Amino acid sequence: MNPRVVKLREEREKNVAKIASLQARNKKIDADIIQIENTDILGMVHEFGLSPDALYELIVAAKKNPIPSMSQTETIETEEENSEE
């Protein structure tokens, strides 16, 4: 077999191994990020003195009656200004 082909196949195998290693590391990083975010969220919940049940009720209420974002507020104000003209 052509030595260049052999060399390229070997390089490709090394690349596959590196990619697998990097993907495994990314999974670990993602898990660490989620764990840190969850810890931060729990800290905020405790800081406000909320129980898990109170947090649940707060989330349910927010989903039923969401607070408009800035872009939504600006759109509403623009529509109101245009209707006054």
N, C-alpha and C. Protein backbone atom coordinates (compact mmCIF):
# COMPACT_ATOMS: atom_id res chain seq x y z
N MET A 1 0.84 -1.17 0.00
CA MET A 1 0.00 0.00 0.00
C MET A 1 0.89 1.24 0.00
N ASN A 2 0.37 2.27 -0.56
CA ASN A 2 1.09 3.53 -0.66
C ASN A 2 1.41 4.06 0.74
N PRO A 3 2.66 4.38 1.01
CA PRO A 3 3.05 4.85 2.35
C PRO A 3 2.33 6.14 2.78
N ARG A 4 1.98 6.96 1.81
CA ARG A 4 1.25 8.19 2.16
C ARG A 4 -0.13 7.87 2.70
N VAL A 5 -0.77 6.87 2.10
CA VAL A 5 -2.09 6.46 2.57
C VAL A 5 -2.00 5.92 3.99
N VAL A 6 -0.99 5.11 4.24
CA VAL A 6 -0.79 4.55 5.58
C VAL A 6 -0.59 5.67 6.59
N LYS A 7 0.25 6.62 6.23
CA LYS A 7 0.53 7.74 7.11
C LYS A 7 -0.73 8.57 7.39
N LEU A 8 -1.50 8.83 6.36
CA LEU A 8 -2.75 9.60 6.52
C LEU A 8 -3.77 8.86 7.38
N ARG A 9 -3.86 7.56 7.21
CA ARG A 9 -4.79 6.77 8.02
C ARG A 9 -4.38 6.79 9.50
N GLU A 10 -3.08 6.71 9.74
CA GLU A 10 -2.59 6.78 11.12
C GLU A 10 -2.91 8.14 11.73
N GLU A 11 -2.69 9.19 10.94
CA GLU A 11 -3.00 10.54 11.43
C GLU A 11 -4.49 10.66 11.73
N ARG A 12 -5.32 10.10 10.86
CA ARG A 12 -6.76 10.16 11.05
C ARG A 12 -7.17 9.43 12.34
N GLU A 13 -6.57 8.29 12.60
CA GLU A 13 -6.87 7.54 13.83
C GLU A 13 -6.50 8.35 15.07
N LYS A 14 -5.36 9.04 15.00
CA LYS A 14 -4.96 9.90 16.12
C LYS A 14 -5.97 11.02 16.31
N ASN A 15 -6.44 11.59 15.20
CA ASN A 15 -7.43 12.67 15.28
C ASN A 15 -8.74 12.19 15.89
N VAL A 16 -9.15 10.99 15.50
CA VAL A 16 -10.38 10.43 16.06
C VAL A 16 -10.25 10.26 17.58
N ALA A 17 -9.10 9.81 18.03
CA ALA A 17 -8.86 9.65 19.46
C ALA A 17 -8.86 11.00 20.17
N LYS A 18 -8.23 12.01 19.57
CA LYS A 18 -8.22 13.35 20.17
C LYS A 18 -9.64 13.91 20.26
N ILE A 19 -10.41 13.74 19.19
CA ILE A 19 -11.79 14.24 19.17
C ILE A 19 -12.61 13.57 20.26
N ALA A 20 -12.47 12.28 20.42
CA ALA A 20 -13.20 11.55 21.46
C ALA A 20 -12.82 12.07 22.84
N SER A 21 -11.54 12.33 23.03
CA SER A 21 -11.07 12.85 24.31
C SER A 21 -11.64 14.24 24.57
N LEU A 22 -11.64 15.09 23.55
CA LEU A 22 -12.18 16.44 23.70
C LEU A 22 -13.69 16.43 23.95
N GLN A 23 -14.40 15.53 23.29
CA GLN A 23 -15.84 15.42 23.50
C GLN A 23 -16.15 14.97 24.93
N ALA A 24 -15.36 14.05 25.44
CA ALA A 24 -15.54 13.60 26.82
C ALA A 24 -15.27 14.75 27.78
N ARG A 25 -14.24 15.53 27.51
CA ARG A 25 -13.92 16.69 28.35
C ARG A 25 -15.05 17.72 28.31
N ASN A 26 -15.61 17.95 27.12
CA ASN A 26 -16.73 18.89 27.00
C ASN A 26 -17.94 18.42 27.80
N LYS A 27 -18.20 17.12 27.81
CA LYS A 27 -19.31 16.60 28.62
C LYS A 27 -19.06 16.87 30.10
N LYS A 28 -17.83 16.68 30.55
CA LYS A 28 -17.46 16.95 31.94
C LYS A 28 -17.61 18.43 32.25
N ILE A 29 -17.16 19.29 31.34
CA ILE A 29 -17.29 20.73 31.53
C ILE A 29 -18.76 21.12 31.62
N ASP A 30 -19.60 20.59 30.73
CA ASP A 30 -21.04 20.88 30.76
C ASP A 30 -21.66 20.47 32.08
N ALA A 31 -21.28 19.30 32.58
CA ALA A 31 -21.81 18.82 33.86
C ALA A 31 -21.37 19.74 35.00
N ASP A 32 -20.11 20.19 34.96
CA ASP A 32 -19.61 21.10 35.99
C ASP A 32 -20.35 22.44 35.95
N ILE A 33 -20.60 22.94 34.74
CA ILE A 33 -21.33 24.21 34.59
C ILE A 33 -22.73 24.08 35.20
N ILE A 34 -23.42 23.00 34.89
CA ILE A 34 -24.77 22.79 35.42
C ILE A 34 -24.73 22.70 36.94
N GLN A 35 -23.76 21.99 37.48
CA GLN A 35 -23.65 21.86 38.93
C GLN A 35 -23.41 23.21 39.59
N ILE A 36 -22.54 24.02 39.02
CA ILE A 36 -22.25 25.35 39.59
C ILE A 36 -23.47 26.25 39.48
N GLU A 37 -24.15 26.21 38.33
CA GLU A 37 -25.37 27.02 38.17
C GLU A 37 -26.43 26.61 39.18
N ASN A 38 -26.61 25.32 39.37
CA ASN A 38 -27.60 24.84 40.33
C ASN A 38 -27.26 25.28 41.75
N THR A 39 -25.99 25.23 42.10
CA THR A 39 -25.55 25.68 43.42
C THR A 39 -25.83 27.17 43.59
N ASP A 40 -25.55 27.96 42.54
CA ASP A 40 -25.84 29.39 42.58
C ASP A 40 -27.34 29.65 42.77
N ILE A 41 -28.16 28.91 42.05
CA ILE A 41 -29.61 29.07 42.15
C ILE A 41 -30.07 28.74 43.57
N LEU A 42 -29.57 27.65 44.12
CA LEU A 42 -29.94 27.28 45.49
C LEU A 42 -29.52 28.37 46.48
N GLY A 43 -28.34 28.94 46.26
CA GLY A 43 -27.88 30.03 47.11
C GLY A 43 -28.82 31.22 47.06
N MET A 44 -29.27 31.57 45.87
CA MET A 44 -30.21 32.69 45.73
C MET A 44 -31.54 32.38 46.41
N VAL A 45 -32.02 31.16 46.25
CA VAL A 45 -33.28 30.76 46.87
C VAL A 45 -33.16 30.87 48.39
N HIS A 46 -32.08 30.37 48.96
CA HIS A 46 -31.87 30.45 50.41
C HIS A 46 -31.70 31.90 50.86
N GLU A 47 -31.03 32.71 50.04
CA GLU A 47 -30.81 34.12 50.38
C GLU A 47 -32.14 34.86 50.55
N PHE A 48 -33.13 34.50 49.72
CA PHE A 48 -34.44 35.14 49.81
C PHE A 48 -35.36 34.42 50.78
N GLY A 49 -34.87 33.39 51.42
CA GLY A 49 -35.65 32.68 52.42
C GLY A 49 -36.80 31.87 51.84
N LEU A 50 -36.67 31.43 50.61
CA LEU A 50 -37.74 30.66 49.98
C LEU A 50 -37.58 29.17 50.26
N SER A 51 -38.70 28.53 50.49
CA SER A 51 -38.70 27.08 50.58
C SER A 51 -38.83 26.53 49.16
N PRO A 52 -38.56 25.25 48.96
CA PRO A 52 -38.76 24.68 47.62
C PRO A 52 -40.20 24.85 47.13
N ASP A 53 -41.17 24.72 48.04
CA ASP A 53 -42.58 24.90 47.66
C ASP A 53 -42.85 26.34 47.23
N ALA A 54 -42.28 27.30 47.96
CA ALA A 54 -42.47 28.71 47.62
C ALA A 54 -41.83 29.03 46.27
N LEU A 55 -40.67 28.47 46.02
CA LEU A 55 -40.01 28.67 44.73
C LEU A 55 -40.87 28.10 43.61
N TYR A 56 -41.40 26.93 43.82
CA TYR A 56 -42.28 26.30 42.82
C TYR A 56 -43.47 27.20 42.53
N GLU A 57 -44.11 27.71 43.57
CA GLU A 57 -45.28 28.58 43.40
C GLU A 57 -44.89 29.86 42.65
N LEU A 58 -43.73 30.40 42.94
CA LEU A 58 -43.25 31.60 42.26
C LEU A 58 -43.04 31.33 40.77
N ILE A 59 -42.46 30.19 40.45
CA ILE A 59 -42.22 29.84 39.04
C ILE A 59 -43.54 29.62 38.32
N VAL A 60 -44.47 28.93 38.95
CA VAL A 60 -45.79 28.70 38.34
C VAL A 60 -46.48 30.03 38.09
N ALA A 61 -46.46 30.93 39.06
CA ALA A 61 -47.10 32.24 38.90
C ALA A 61 -46.43 33.04 37.77
N ALA A 62 -45.12 32.96 37.67
CA ALA A 62 -44.40 33.69 36.62
C ALA A 62 -44.74 33.14 35.24
N LYS A 63 -44.94 31.84 35.14
CA LYS A 63 -45.31 31.26 33.85
C LYS A 63 -46.72 31.67 33.44
N LYS A 64 -47.62 31.79 34.42
CA LYS A 64 -49.00 32.19 34.13
C LYS A 64 -49.09 33.65 33.74
N ASN A 65 -48.25 34.49 34.35
CA ASN A 65 -48.30 35.93 34.11
C ASN A 65 -46.88 36.45 33.92
N PRO A 66 -46.28 36.19 32.74
CA PRO A 66 -44.88 36.57 32.53
C PRO A 66 -44.70 38.09 32.50
N ILE A 67 -43.54 38.53 32.95
CA ILE A 67 -43.18 39.93 32.91
C ILE A 67 -42.67 40.23 31.50
N PRO A 68 -43.19 41.28 30.85
CA PRO A 68 -42.71 41.57 29.49
C PRO A 68 -41.25 41.96 29.47
N SER A 69 -40.56 41.54 28.43
CA SER A 69 -39.15 41.91 28.30
C SER A 69 -39.05 43.35 27.81
N MET A 70 -37.85 43.91 27.82
CA MET A 70 -37.64 45.29 27.38
C MET A 70 -38.09 45.47 25.94
N SER A 71 -37.80 44.54 25.06
CA SER A 71 -38.17 44.69 23.66
C SER A 71 -39.69 44.68 23.51
N GLN A 72 -40.39 43.88 24.30
CA GLN A 72 -41.84 43.86 24.25
C GLN A 72 -42.39 45.18 24.78
N THR A 73 -41.82 45.73 25.84
CA THR A 73 -42.26 46.99 26.40
C THR A 73 -42.07 48.11 25.40
N GLU A 74 -40.91 48.14 24.72
CA GLU A 74 -40.65 49.17 23.72
C GLU A 74 -41.64 49.07 22.57
N THR A 75 -42.00 47.86 22.15
CA THR A 75 -42.95 47.66 21.07
C THR A 75 -44.32 48.18 21.49
N ILE A 76 -44.73 47.90 22.71
CA ILE A 76 -46.03 48.36 23.20
C ILE A 76 -46.05 49.88 23.25
N GLU A 77 -44.99 50.51 23.77
CA GLU A 77 -44.91 51.96 23.84
C GLU A 77 -44.94 52.58 22.45
N THR A 78 -44.23 51.99 21.50
CA THR A 78 -44.21 52.50 20.13
C THR A 78 -45.59 52.41 19.51
N GLU A 79 -46.28 51.31 19.74
CA GLU A 79 -47.62 51.13 19.21
C GLU A 79 -48.58 52.16 19.81
N GLU A 80 -48.44 52.42 21.11
CA GLU A 80 -49.29 53.41 21.78
C GLU A 80 -49.02 54.80 21.22
N GLU A 81 -47.75 55.14 21.00
CA GLU A 81 -47.40 56.45 20.44
C GLU A 81 -47.95 56.60 19.03
N ASN A 82 -47.86 55.55 18.24
CA ASN A 82 -48.36 55.61 16.87
C ASN A 82 -49.88 55.73 16.84
N SER A 83 -50.56 55.12 17.79
CA SER A 83 -52.02 55.18 17.79
C SER A 83 -52.52 56.55 18.24
N GLU A 84 -51.69 57.31 18.99
CA GLU A 84 -52.07 58.63 19.43
C GLU A 84 -51.98 59.64 18.31
N GLU A 85 -51.18 59.36 17.30
CA GLU A 85 -50.98 60.31 16.20
C GLU A 85 -52.08 60.27 15.24
